[in-house]
Amino acid sequence: MVQHGAALARESGDASLAETVASGRFEDLDNRMAALCRYAVKLTLTPHAMERDDIEHLRQTGLDDRGIVDANQIVSYLNYVNRVADGLGIELEQSWPEETRRPRSYPLASR
């Protein structure tokens, strides 16, 4: 997950965004980004609990069907890739910066 946070910080140009997302302090985000993060957490931790209201809430924040499907696909793909890598014990390559390769815990993991 650390490598994804580094990529988010790099791509967004906002290093604090990755920390906000990792910490679960979604109230610090705008409504749309907070809704996307809550959707991602629910889809990741309790996919069996997804309901129509989860999709409706995303629509209320301005996402259209394409945006919702894109969000779903990105979250699902990252979950898949992380589970494959973790399940096989894959380590990040030595070329990644040391701070990216060190183990780290996240508050969301304990929910």
PDB file of N, CA and C in Angstrom:
ATOM      1  N   MET A   1       0.821  -1.195   0.000  1.00  0.00           N
ATOM      2  CA  MET A   1       0.000   0.000   0.000  1.00  0.00           C
ATOM      3  C   MET A   1       0.862   1.255   0.000  1.00  0.00           C
ATOM      4  N   VAL A   2       2.049   1.156   0.573  1.00  0.00           N
ATOM      5  CA  VAL A   2       2.930   2.321   0.628  1.00  0.00           C
ATOM      6  C   VAL A   2       3.254   2.818  -0.768  1.00  0.00           C
ATOM      7  N   GLN A   3       3.521   1.890  -1.693  1.00  0.00           N
ATOM      8  CA  GLN A   3       3.871   2.317  -3.047  1.00  0.00           C
ATOM      9  C   GLN A   3       2.705   3.042  -3.703  1.00  0.00           C
ATOM     10  N   HIS A   4       1.463   2.660  -3.386  1.00  0.00           N
ATOM     11  CA  HIS A   4       0.313   3.347  -3.960  1.00  0.00           C
ATOM     12  C   HIS A   4       0.197   4.752  -3.384  1.00  0.00           C
ATOM     13  N   GLY A   5       0.501   4.897  -2.106  1.00  0.00           N
ATOM     14  CA  GLY A   5       0.479   6.223  -1.484  1.00  0.00           C
ATOM     15  C   GLY A   5       1.513   7.145  -2.098  1.00  0.00           C
ATOM     16  N   ALA A   6       2.687   6.602  -2.363  1.00  0.00           N
ATOM     17  CA  ALA A   6       3.734   7.398  -3.003  1.00  0.00           C
ATOM     18  C   ALA A   6       3.304   7.820  -4.401  1.00  0.00           C
ATOM     19  N   ALA A   7       2.661   6.911  -5.119  1.00  0.00           N
ATOM     20  CA  ALA A   7       2.180   7.239  -6.464  1.00  0.00           C
ATOM     21  C   ALA A   7       1.071   8.288  -6.393  1.00  0.00           C
ATOM     22  N   LEU A   8       0.169   8.169  -5.416  1.00  0.00           N
ATOM     23  CA  LEU A   8      -0.905   9.152  -5.265  1.00  0.00           C
ATOM     24  C   LEU A   8      -0.330  10.531  -4.970  1.00  0.00           C
ATOM     25  N   ALA A   9       0.633  10.600  -4.089  1.00  0.00           N
ATOM     26  CA  ALA A   9       1.264  11.877  -3.770  1.00  0.00           C
ATOM     27  C   ALA A   9       1.933  12.479  -5.000  1.00  0.00           C
ATOM     28  N   ARG A  10       2.631  11.632  -5.737  1.00  0.00           N
ATOM     29  CA  ARG A  10       3.335  12.098  -6.939  1.00  0.00           C
ATOM     30  C   ARG A  10       2.344  12.565  -8.004  1.00  0.00           C
ATOM     31  N   GLU A  11       1.339  11.757  -8.302  1.00  0.00           N
ATOM     32  CA  GLU A  11       0.391  12.077  -9.378  1.00  0.00           C
ATOM     33  C   GLU A  11      -0.521  13.251  -9.037  1.00  0.00           C
ATOM     34  N   SER A  12      -0.909  13.371  -7.775  1.00  0.00           N
ATOM     35  CA  SER A  12      -1.818  14.457  -7.384  1.00  0.00           C
ATOM     36  C   SER A  12      -1.071  15.753  -7.107  1.00  0.00           C
ATOM     37  N   GLY A  13       0.235  15.641  -6.832  1.00  0.00           N
ATOM     38  CA  GLY A  13       0.996  16.827  -6.462  1.00  0.00           C
ATOM     39  C   GLY A  13       0.709  17.281  -5.040  1.00  0.00           C
ATOM     40  N   ASP A  14       0.026  16.429  -4.258  1.00  0.00           N
ATOM     41  CA  ASP A  14      -0.365  16.772  -2.892  1.00  0.00           C
ATOM     42  C   ASP A  14       0.043  15.634  -1.969  1.00  0.00           C
ATOM     43  N   ALA A  15       1.203  15.783  -1.321  1.00  0.00           N
ATOM     44  CA  ALA A  15       1.711  14.728  -0.446  1.00  0.00           C
ATOM     45  C   ALA A  15       0.768  14.466   0.720  1.00  0.00           C
ATOM     46  N   SER A  16       0.044  15.466   1.153  1.00  0.00           N
ATOM     47  CA  SER A  16      -0.858  15.277   2.290  1.00  0.00           C
ATOM     48  C   SER A  16      -2.076  14.433   1.919  1.00  0.00           C
ATOM     49  N   LEU A  17      -2.423  14.365   0.647  1.00  0.00           N
ATOM     50  CA  LEU A  17      -3.578  13.583   0.223  1.00  0.00           C
ATOM     51  C   LEU A  17      -3.392  12.108   0.553  1.00  0.00           C
ATOM     52  N   ALA A  18      -2.230  11.558   0.272  1.00  0.00           N
ATOM     53  CA  ALA A  18      -1.970  10.146   0.564  1.00  0.00           C
ATOM     54  C   ALA A  18      -2.065   9.879   2.066  1.00  0.00           C
ATOM     55  N   GLU A  19      -1.552  10.785   2.871  1.00  0.00           N
ATOM     56  CA  GLU A  19      -1.628  10.612   4.324  1.00  0.00           C
ATOM     57  C   GLU A  19      -3.068  10.700   4.813  1.00  0.00           C
ATOM     58  N   THR A  20      -3.827  11.619   4.242  1.00  0.00           N
ATOM     59  CA  THR A  20      -5.236  11.760   4.619  1.00  0.00           C
ATOM     60  C   THR A  20      -6.000  10.492   4.283  1.00  0.00           C
ATOM     61  N   VAL A  21      -5.778   9.969   3.097  1.00  0.00           N
ATOM     62  CA  VAL A  21      -6.467   8.751   2.670  1.00  0.00           C
ATOM     63  C   VAL A  21      -6.045   7.577   3.552  1.00  0.00           C
ATOM     64  N   ALA A  22      -4.754   7.414   3.786  1.00  0.00           N
ATOM     65  CA  ALA A  22      -4.256   6.302   4.591  1.00  0.00           C
ATOM     66  C   ALA A  22      -4.732   6.375   6.039  1.00  0.00           C
ATOM     67  N   SER A  23      -4.907   7.577   6.549  1.00  0.00           N
ATOM     68  CA  SER A  23      -5.318   7.742   7.947  1.00  0.00           C
ATOM     69  C   SER A  23      -6.806   7.536   8.155  1.00  0.00           C
ATOM     70  N   GLY A  24      -7.577   7.638   7.068  1.00  0.00           N
ATOM     71  CA  GLY A  24      -9.028   7.512   7.198  1.00  0.00           C
ATOM     72  C   GLY A  24      -9.700   8.799   7.627  1.00  0.00           C
ATOM     73  N   ARG A  25      -8.986   9.917   7.614  1.00  0.00           N
ATOM     74  CA  ARG A  25      -9.565  11.221   7.988  1.00  0.00           C
ATOM     75  C   ARG A  25     -10.251  11.840   6.766  1.00  0.00           C
ATOM     76  N   PHE A  26     -11.296  11.193   6.322  1.00  0.00           N
ATOM     77  CA  PHE A  26     -11.957  11.611   5.088  1.00  0.00           C
ATOM     78  C   PHE A  26     -12.684  12.939   5.228  1.00  0.00           C
ATOM     79  N   GLU A  27     -12.955  13.359   6.457  1.00  0.00           N
ATOM     80  CA  GLU A  27     -13.613  14.655   6.653  1.00  0.00           C
ATOM     81  C   GLU A  27     -12.735  15.813   6.199  1.00  0.00           C
ATOM     82  N   ASP A  28     -11.453  15.569   6.001  1.00  0.00           N
ATOM     83  CA  ASP A  28     -10.534  16.593   5.510  1.00  0.00           C
ATOM     84  C   ASP A  28     -10.598  16.736   3.980  1.00  0.00           C
ATOM     85  N   LEU A  29     -11.350  15.849   3.326  1.00  0.00           N
ATOM     86  CA  LEU A  29     -11.454  15.859   1.867  1.00  0.00           C
ATOM     87  C   LEU A  29     -12.752  16.513   1.421  1.00  0.00           C
ATOM     88  N   ASP A  30     -12.818  16.911   0.145  1.00  0.00           N
ATOM     89  CA  ASP A  30     -14.083  17.424  -0.375  1.00  0.00           C
ATOM     90  C   ASP A  30     -15.087  16.277  -0.436  1.00  0.00           C
ATOM     91  N   ASN A  31     -16.357  16.583  -0.577  1.00  0.00           N
ATOM     92  CA  ASN A  31     -17.422  15.575  -0.510  1.00  0.00           C
ATOM     93  C   ASN A  31     -17.237  14.433  -1.500  1.00  0.00           C
ATOM     94  N   ARG A  32     -16.876  14.770  -2.716  1.00  0.00           N
ATOM     95  CA  ARG A  32     -16.725  13.731  -3.748  1.00  0.00           C
ATOM     96  C   ARG A  32     -15.576  12.787  -3.421  1.00  0.00           C
ATOM     97  N   MET A  33     -14.426  13.338  -3.056  1.00  0.00           N
ATOM     98  CA  MET A  33     -13.266  12.499  -2.742  1.00  0.00           C
ATOM     99  C   MET A  33     -13.534  11.666  -1.486  1.00  0.00           C
ATOM    100  N   ALA A  34     -14.196  12.260  -0.499  1.00  0.00           N
ATOM    101  CA  ALA A  34     -14.538  11.514   0.722  1.00  0.00           C
ATOM    102  C   ALA A  34     -15.482  10.367   0.397  1.00  0.00           C
ATOM    103  N   ALA A  35     -16.470  10.610  -0.466  1.00  0.00           N
ATOM    104  CA  ALA A  35     -17.414   9.555  -0.854  1.00  0.00           C
ATOM    105  C   ALA A  35     -16.683   8.437  -1.595  1.00  0.00           C
ATOM    106  N   LEU A  36     -15.775   8.788  -2.477  1.00  0.00           N
ATOM    107  CA  LEU A  36     -14.991   7.778  -3.195  1.00  0.00           C
ATOM    108  C   LEU A  36     -14.142   6.947  -2.232  1.00  0.00           C
ATOM    109  N   CYS A  37     -13.543   7.597  -1.256  1.00  0.00           N
ATOM    110  CA  CYS A  37     -12.721   6.875  -0.283  1.00  0.00           C
ATOM    111  C   CYS A  37     -13.575   5.938   0.573  1.00  0.00           C
ATOM    112  N   ARG A  38     -14.723   6.418   1.006  1.00  0.00           N
ATOM    113  CA  ARG A  38     -15.608   5.556   1.802  1.00  0.00           C
ATOM    114  C   ARG A  38     -16.077   4.353   0.975  1.00  0.00           C
ATOM    115  N   TYR A  39     -16.395   4.600  -0.278  1.00  0.00           N
ATOM    116  CA  TYR A  39     -16.786   3.514  -1.188  1.00  0.00           C
ATOM    117  C   TYR A  39     -15.643   2.507  -1.316  1.00  0.00           C
ATOM    118  N   ALA A  40     -14.426   3.002  -1.511  1.00  0.00           N
ATOM    119  CA  ALA A  40     -13.265   2.129  -1.675  1.00  0.00           C
ATOM    120  C   ALA A  40     -13.022   1.285  -0.425  1.00  0.00           C
ATOM    121  N   VAL A  41     -13.149   1.892   0.738  1.00  0.00           N
ATOM    122  CA  VAL A  41     -12.946   1.151   1.985  1.00  0.00           C
ATOM    123  C   VAL A  41     -14.013   0.062   2.129  1.00  0.00           C
ATOM    124  N   LYS A  42     -15.267   0.418   1.881  1.00  0.00           N
ATOM    125  CA  LYS A  42     -16.339  -0.567   2.021  1.00  0.00           C
ATOM    126  C   LYS A  42     -16.174  -1.697   1.012  1.00  0.00           C
ATOM    127  N   LEU A  43     -15.853  -1.367  -0.223  1.00  0.00           N
ATOM    128  CA  LEU A  43     -15.660  -2.392  -1.250  1.00  0.00           C
ATOM    129  C   LEU A  43     -14.475  -3.286  -0.904  1.00  0.00           C
ATOM    130  N   THR A  44     -13.458  -2.732  -0.289  1.00  0.00           N
ATOM    131  CA  THR A  44     -12.264  -3.484   0.084  1.00  0.00           C
ATOM    132  C   THR A  44     -12.503  -4.397   1.283  1.00  0.00           C
ATOM    133  N   LEU A  45     -13.123  -3.847   2.320  1.00  0.00           N
ATOM    134  CA  LEU A  45     -13.255  -4.592   3.575  1.00  0.00           C
ATOM    135  C   LEU A  45     -14.511  -5.453   3.663  1.00  0.00           C
ATOM    136  N   THR A  46     -15.608  -4.972   3.068  1.00  0.00           N
ATOM    137  CA  THR A  46     -16.878  -5.698   3.177  1.00  0.00           C
ATOM    138  C   THR A  46     -17.637  -5.667   1.851  1.00  0.00           C
ATOM    139  N   PRO A  47     -17.075  -6.264   0.813  1.00  0.00           N
ATOM    140  CA  PRO A  47     -17.731  -6.196  -0.492  1.00  0.00           C
ATOM    141  C   PRO A  47     -19.136  -6.794  -0.495  1.00  0.00           C
ATOM    142  N   HIS A  48     -19.379  -7.753   0.372  1.00  0.00           N
ATOM    143  CA  HIS A  48     -20.701  -8.379   0.455  1.00  0.00           C
ATOM    144  C   HIS A  48     -21.772  -7.429   1.001  1.00  0.00           C
ATOM    145  N   ALA A  49     -21.355  -6.324   1.591  1.00  0.00           N
ATOM    146  CA  ALA A  49     -22.302  -5.379   2.196  1.00  0.00           C
ATOM    147  C   ALA A  49     -22.654  -4.205   1.274  1.00  0.00           C
ATOM    148  N   MET A  50     -22.136  -4.205   0.055  1.00  0.00           N
ATOM    149  CA  MET A  50     -22.431  -3.112  -0.869  1.00  0.00           C
ATOM    150  C   MET A  50     -23.923  -3.096  -1.189  1.00  0.00           C
ATOM    151  N   GLU A  51     -24.487  -1.878  -1.257  1.00  0.00           N
ATOM    152  CA  GLU A  51     -25.916  -1.709  -1.512  1.00  0.00           C
ATOM    153  C   GLU A  51     -26.132  -0.627  -2.565  1.00  0.00           C
ATOM    154  N   ARG A  52     -27.333  -0.568  -3.080  1.00  0.00           N
ATOM    155  CA  ARG A  52     -27.705   0.463  -4.052  1.00  0.00           C
ATOM    156  C   ARG A  52     -27.418   1.872  -3.531  1.00  0.00           C
ATOM    157  N   ASP A  53     -27.623   2.075  -2.247  1.00  0.00           N
ATOM    158  CA  ASP A  53     -27.377   3.390  -1.648  1.00  0.00           C
ATOM    159  C   ASP A  53     -25.917   3.829  -1.785  1.00  0.00           C
ATOM    160  N   ASP A  54     -25.004   2.874  -1.808  1.00  0.00           N
ATOM    161  CA  ASP A  54     -23.584   3.218  -1.982  1.00  0.00           C
ATOM    162  C   ASP A  54     -23.361   3.868  -3.347  1.00  0.00           C
ATOM    163  N   ILE A  55     -24.028   3.340  -4.355  1.00  0.00           N
ATOM    164  CA  ILE A  55     -23.924   3.892  -5.710  1.00  0.00           C
ATOM    165  C   ILE A  55     -24.653   5.237  -5.777  1.00  0.00           C
ATOM    166  N   GLU A  56     -25.819   5.299  -5.182  1.00  0.00           N
ATOM    167  CA  GLU A  56     -26.588   6.550  -5.189  1.00  0.00           C
ATOM    168  C   GLU A  56     -25.821   7.681  -4.529  1.00  0.00           C
ATOM    169  N   HIS A  57     -25.122   7.356  -3.453  1.00  0.00           N
ATOM    170  CA  HIS A  57     -24.345   8.398  -2.765  1.00  0.00           C
ATOM    171  C   HIS A  57     -23.243   8.939  -3.684  1.00  0.00           C
ATOM    172  N   LEU A  58     -22.628   8.059  -4.460  1.00  0.00           N
ATOM    173  CA  LEU A  58     -21.617   8.527  -5.414  1.00  0.00           C
ATOM    174  C   LEU A  58     -22.251   9.418  -6.481  1.00  0.00           C
ATOM    175  N   ARG A  59     -23.424   9.050  -6.949  1.00  0.00           N
ATOM    176  CA  ARG A  59     -24.124   9.884  -7.934  1.00  0.00           C
ATOM    177  C   ARG A  59     -24.427  11.269  -7.355  1.00  0.00           C
ATOM    178  N   GLN A  60     -24.821  11.310  -6.098  1.00  0.00           N
ATOM    179  CA  GLN A  60     -25.151  12.588  -5.452  1.00  0.00           C
ATOM    180  C   GLN A  60     -23.939  13.507  -5.339  1.00  0.00           C
ATOM    181  N   THR A  61     -22.749  12.950  -5.402  1.00  0.00           N
ATOM    182  CA  THR A  61     -21.551  13.789  -5.344  1.00  0.00           C
ATOM    183  C   THR A  61     -21.081  14.217  -6.729  1.00  0.00           C
ATOM    184  N   GLY A  62     -21.844  13.819  -7.770  1.00  0.00           N
ATOM    185  CA  GLY A  62     -21.535  14.278  -9.111  1.00  0.00           C
ATOM    186  C   GLY A  62     -20.936  13.235 -10.034  1.00  0.00           C
ATOM    187  N   LEU A  63     -20.721  12.026  -9.552  1.00  0.00           N
ATOM    188  CA  LEU A  63     -20.181  10.995 -10.436  1.00  0.00           C
ATOM    189  C   LEU A  63     -21.273  10.445 -11.330  1.00  0.00           C
ATOM    190  N   ASP A  64     -20.923  10.227 -12.588  1.00  0.00           N
ATOM    191  CA  ASP A  64     -21.861   9.575 -13.502  1.00  0.00           C
ATOM    192  C   ASP A  64     -21.552   8.080 -13.506  1.00  0.00           C
ATOM    193  N   ASP A  65     -22.333   7.331 -14.268  1.00  0.00           N
ATOM    194  CA  ASP A  65     -22.152   5.879 -14.278  1.00  0.00           C
ATOM    195  C   ASP A  65     -20.744   5.479 -14.696  1.00  0.00           C
ATOM    196  N   ARG A  66     -20.176   6.160 -15.670  1.00  0.00           N
ATOM    197  CA  ARG A  66     -18.813   5.853 -16.126  1.00  0.00           C
ATOM    198  C   ARG A  66     -17.809   6.076 -14.997  1.00  0.00           C
ATOM    199  N   GLY A  67     -17.943   7.175 -14.275  1.00  0.00           N
ATOM    200  CA  GLY A  67     -17.053   7.466 -13.159  1.00  0.00           C
ATOM    201  C   GLY A  67     -17.171   6.439 -12.046  1.00  0.00           C
ATOM    202  N   ILE A  68     -18.390   5.988 -11.797  1.00  0.00           N
ATOM    203  CA  ILE A  68     -18.621   4.974 -10.765  1.00  0.00           C
ATOM    204  C   ILE A  68     -18.002   3.640 -11.176  1.00  0.00           C
ATOM    205  N   VAL A  69     -18.198   3.254 -12.433  1.00  0.00           N
ATOM    206  CA  VAL A  69     -17.595   2.006 -12.918  1.00  0.00           C
ATOM    207  C   VAL A  69     -16.075   2.119 -12.885  1.00  0.00           C
ATOM    208  N   ASP A  70     -15.527   3.249 -13.287  1.00  0.00           N
ATOM    209  CA  ASP A  70     -14.077   3.435 -13.237  1.00  0.00           C
ATOM    210  C   ASP A  70     -13.556   3.299 -11.806  1.00  0.00           C
ATOM    211  N   ALA A  71     -14.240   3.938 -10.850  1.00  0.00           N
ATOM    212  CA  ALA A  71     -13.829   3.842  -9.445  1.00  0.00           C
ATOM    213  C   ALA A  71     -13.872   2.396  -8.976  1.00  0.00           C
ATOM    214  N   ASN A  72     -14.950   1.699  -9.312  1.00  0.00           N
ATOM    215  CA  ASN A  72     -15.095   0.302  -8.926  1.00  0.00           C
ATOM    216  C   ASN A  72     -13.968  -0.547  -9.511  1.00  0.00           C
ATOM    217  N   GLN A  73     -13.648  -0.336 -10.759  1.00  0.00           N
ATOM    218  CA  GLN A  73     -12.616  -1.131 -11.419  1.00  0.00           C
ATOM    219  C   GLN A  73     -11.233  -0.860 -10.831  1.00  0.00           C
ATOM    220  N   ILE A  74     -10.943   0.392 -10.534  1.00  0.00           N
ATOM    221  CA  ILE A  74      -9.640   0.741  -9.958  1.00  0.00           C
ATOM    222  C   ILE A  74      -9.486   0.126  -8.579  1.00  0.00           C
ATOM    223  N   VAL A  75     -10.498   0.294  -7.733  1.00  0.00           N
ATOM    224  CA  VAL A  75     -10.439  -0.275  -6.382  1.00  0.00           C
ATOM    225  C   VAL A  75     -10.308  -1.795  -6.455  1.00  0.00           C
ATOM    226  N   SER A  76     -11.125  -2.410  -7.288  1.00  0.00           N
ATOM    227  CA  SER A  76     -11.107  -3.870  -7.408  1.00  0.00           C
ATOM    228  C   SER A  76      -9.764  -4.373  -7.939  1.00  0.00           C
ATOM    229  N   TYR A  77      -9.218  -3.689  -8.924  1.00  0.00           N
ATOM    230  CA  TYR A  77      -7.934  -4.103  -9.487  1.00  0.00           C
ATOM    231  C   TYR A  77      -6.815  -3.988  -8.447  1.00  0.00           C
ATOM    232  N   LEU A  78      -6.771  -2.869  -7.739  1.00  0.00           N
ATOM    233  CA  LEU A  78      -5.720  -2.700  -6.730  1.00  0.00           C
ATOM    234  C   LEU A  78      -5.862  -3.728  -5.613  1.00  0.00           C
ATOM    235  N   ASN A  79      -7.092  -4.032  -5.228  1.00  0.00           N
ATOM    236  CA  ASN A  79      -7.294  -5.087  -4.229  1.00  0.00           C
ATOM    237  C   ASN A  79      -6.759  -6.420  -4.744  1.00  0.00           C
ATOM    238  N   TYR A  80      -7.065  -6.717  -5.982  1.00  0.00           N
ATOM    239  CA  TYR A  80      -6.601  -7.971  -6.583  1.00  0.00           C
ATOM    240  C   TYR A  80      -5.074  -8.033  -6.594  1.00  0.00           C
ATOM    241  N   VAL A  81      -4.451  -7.008  -7.114  1.00  0.00           N
ATOM    242  CA  VAL A  81      -2.991  -6.996  -7.240  1.00  0.00           C
ATOM    243  C   VAL A  81      -2.325  -7.079  -5.867  1.00  0.00           C
ATOM    244  N   ASN A  82      -2.841  -6.334  -4.905  1.00  0.00           N
ATOM    245  CA  ASN A  82      -2.257  -6.381  -3.562  1.00  0.00           C
ATOM    246  C   ASN A  82      -2.408  -7.765  -2.935  1.00  0.00           C
ATOM    247  N   ARG A  83      -3.555  -8.398  -3.132  1.00  0.00           N
ATOM    248  CA  ARG A  83      -3.753  -9.731  -2.563  1.00  0.00           C
ATOM    249  C   ARG A  83      -2.836 -10.766  -3.231  1.00  0.00           C
ATOM    250  N   VAL A  84      -2.635 -10.647  -4.522  1.00  0.00           N
ATOM    251  CA  VAL A  84      -1.708 -11.554  -5.208  1.00  0.00           C
ATOM    252  C   VAL A  84      -0.300 -11.347  -4.663  1.00  0.00           C
ATOM    253  N   ALA A  85       0.149 -10.107  -4.600  1.00  0.00           N
ATOM    254  CA  ALA A  85       1.504  -9.817  -4.124  1.00  0.00           C
ATOM    255  C   ALA A  85       1.683 -10.229  -2.664  1.00  0.00           C
ATOM    256  N   ASP A  86       0.733  -9.875  -1.810  1.00  0.00           N
ATOM    257  CA  ASP A  86       0.839 -10.247  -0.396  1.00  0.00           C
ATOM    258  C   ASP A  86       0.765 -11.758  -0.213  1.00  0.00           C
ATOM    259  N   GLY A  87      -0.124 -12.398  -0.963  1.00  0.00           N
ATOM    260  CA  GLY A  87      -0.292 -13.841  -0.846  1.00  0.00           C
ATOM    261  C   GLY A  87       0.926 -14.632  -1.291  1.00  0.00           C
ATOM    262  N   LEU A  88       1.723 -14.052  -2.160  1.00  0.00           N
ATOM    263  CA  LEU A  88       2.933 -14.714  -2.637  1.00  0.00           C
ATOM    264  C   LEU A  88       4.192 -14.207  -1.941  1.00  0.00           C
ATOM    265  N   GLY A  89       4.021 -13.246  -1.039  1.00  0.00           N
ATOM    266  CA  GLY A  89       5.168 -12.713  -0.309  1.00  0.00           C
ATOM    267  C   GLY A  89       6.099 -11.885  -1.170  1.00  0.00           C
ATOM    268  N   ILE A  90       5.551 -11.266  -2.197  1.00  0.00           N
ATOM    269  CA  ILE A  90       6.372 -10.472  -3.110  1.00  0.00           C
ATOM    270  C   ILE A  90       6.847  -9.195  -2.421  1.00  0.00           C
ATOM    271  N   GLU A  91       8.145  -8.954  -2.509  1.00  0.00           N
ATOM    272  CA  GLU A  91       8.757  -7.748  -1.944  1.00  0.00           C
ATOM    273  C   GLU A  91       8.967  -6.725  -3.055  1.00  0.00           C
ATOM    274  N   LEU A  92       8.945  -5.463  -2.690  1.00  0.00           N
ATOM    275  CA  LEU A  92       9.251  -4.429  -3.676  1.00  0.00           C
ATOM    276  C   LEU A  92      10.712  -4.554  -4.111  1.00  0.00           C
ATOM    277  N   GLU A  93      10.980  -4.174  -5.317  1.00  0.00           N
ATOM    278  CA  GLU A  93      12.331  -4.266  -5.866  1.00  0.00           C
ATOM    279  C   GLU A  93      13.272  -3.328  -5.128  1.00  0.00           C
ATOM    280  N   GLN A  94      14.548  -3.691  -5.120  1.00  0.00           N
ATOM    281  CA  GLN A  94      15.561  -2.890  -4.437  1.00  0.00           C
ATOM    282  C   GLN A  94      15.689  -1.486  -5.023  1.00  0.00           C
ATOM    283  N   SER A  95      15.248  -1.308  -6.262  1.00  0.00           N
ATOM    284  CA  SER A  95      15.356   0.008  -6.894  1.00  0.00           C
ATOM    285  C   SER A  95      14.365   1.014  -6.307  1.00  0.00           C
ATOM    286  N   TRP A  96      13.327   0.531  -5.563  1.00  0.00           N
ATOM    287  CA  TRP A  96      12.380   1.448  -4.922  1.00  0.00           C
ATOM    288  C   TRP A  96      13.088   2.105  -3.745  1.00  0.00           C
ATOM    289  N   PRO A  97      12.770   3.359  -3.462  1.00  0.00           N
ATOM    290  CA  PRO A  97      13.408   4.041  -2.318  1.00  0.00           C
ATOM    291  C   PRO A  97      13.143   3.287  -1.013  1.00  0.00           C
ATOM    292  N   GLU A  98      14.100   3.313  -0.099  1.00  0.00           N
ATOM    293  CA  GLU A  98      14.006   2.595   1.177  1.00  0.00           C
ATOM    294  C   GLU A  98      12.736   2.976   1.947  1.00  0.00           C
ATOM    295  N   GLU A  99      12.389   4.256   1.976  1.00  0.00           N
ATOM    296  CA  GLU A  99      11.209   4.680   2.735  1.00  0.00           C
ATOM    297  C   GLU A  99       9.915   4.098   2.161  1.00  0.00           C
ATOM    298  N   THR A 100       9.932   3.746   0.900  1.00  0.00           N
ATOM    299  CA  THR A 100       8.771   3.117   0.266  1.00  0.00           C
ATOM    300  C   THR A 100       8.711   1.631   0.591  1.00  0.00           C
ATOM    301  N   ARG A 101       9.857   0.995   0.774  1.00  0.00           N
ATOM    302  CA  ARG A 101       9.911  -0.447   0.993  1.00  0.00           C
ATOM    303  C   ARG A 101       9.717  -0.850   2.445  1.00  0.00           C
ATOM    304  N   ARG A 102       9.816   0.072   3.386  1.00  0.00           N
ATOM    305  CA  ARG A 102       9.695  -0.330   4.790  1.00  0.00           C
ATOM    306  C   ARG A 102       8.232  -0.631   5.142  1.00  0.00           C
ATOM    307  N   PRO A 103       7.998  -1.619   5.993  1.00  0.00           N
ATOM    308  CA  PRO A 103       6.626  -1.949   6.406  1.00  0.00           C
ATOM    309  C   PRO A 103       5.985  -0.773   7.145  1.00  0.00           C
ATOM    310  N   ARG A 104       4.699  -0.642   7.002  1.00  0.00           N
ATOM    311  CA  ARG A 104       3.986   0.468   7.623  1.00  0.00           C
ATOM    312  C   ARG A 104       2.579   0.000   7.968  1.00  0.00           C
ATOM    313  N   SER A 105       2.055   0.482   9.063  1.00  0.00           N
ATOM    314  CA  SER A 105       0.687   0.112   9.416  1.00  0.00           C
ATOM    315  C   SER A 105      -0.225   1.298   9.129  1.00  0.00           C
ATOM    316  N   TYR A 106      -1.499   0.980   8.920  1.00  0.00           N
ATOM    317  CA  TYR A 106      -2.492   1.991   8.600  1.00  0.00           C
ATOM    318  C   TYR A 106      -3.691   1.833   9.514  1.00  0.00           C
ATOM    319  N   PRO A 107      -4.250   2.946  10.003  1.00  0.00           N
ATOM    320  CA  PRO A 107      -5.423   2.864  10.877  1.00  0.00           C
ATOM    321  C   PRO A 107      -6.585   2.109  10.260  1.00  0.00           C
ATOM    322  N   LEU A 108      -6.765   2.210   8.947  1.00  0.00           N
ATOM    323  CA  LEU A 108      -7.882   1.537   8.293  1.00  0.00           C
ATOM    324  C   LEU A 108      -7.757   0.027   8.384  1.00  0.00           C
ATOM    325  N   ALA A 109      -6.552  -0.470   8.501  1.00  0.00           N
ATOM    326  CA  ALA A 109      -6.340  -1.916   8.532  1.00  0.00           C
ATOM    327  C   ALA A 109      -6.924  -2.538   9.796  1.00  0.00           C
ATOM    328  N   SER A 110      -7.104  -1.742  10.838  1.00  0.00           N
ATOM    329  CA  SER A 110      -7.614  -2.286  12.089  1.00  0.00           C
ATOM    330  C   SER A 110      -9.132  -2.207  12.185  1.00  0.00           C
ATOM    331  N   ARG A 111      -9.792  -1.678  11.161  1.00  0.00           N
ATOM    332  CA  ARG A 111     -11.258  -1.555  11.205  1.00  0.00           C
ATOM    333  C   ARG A 111     -11.935  -2.852  10.885  1.00  0.00           C
TER     334      ARG A 111
END
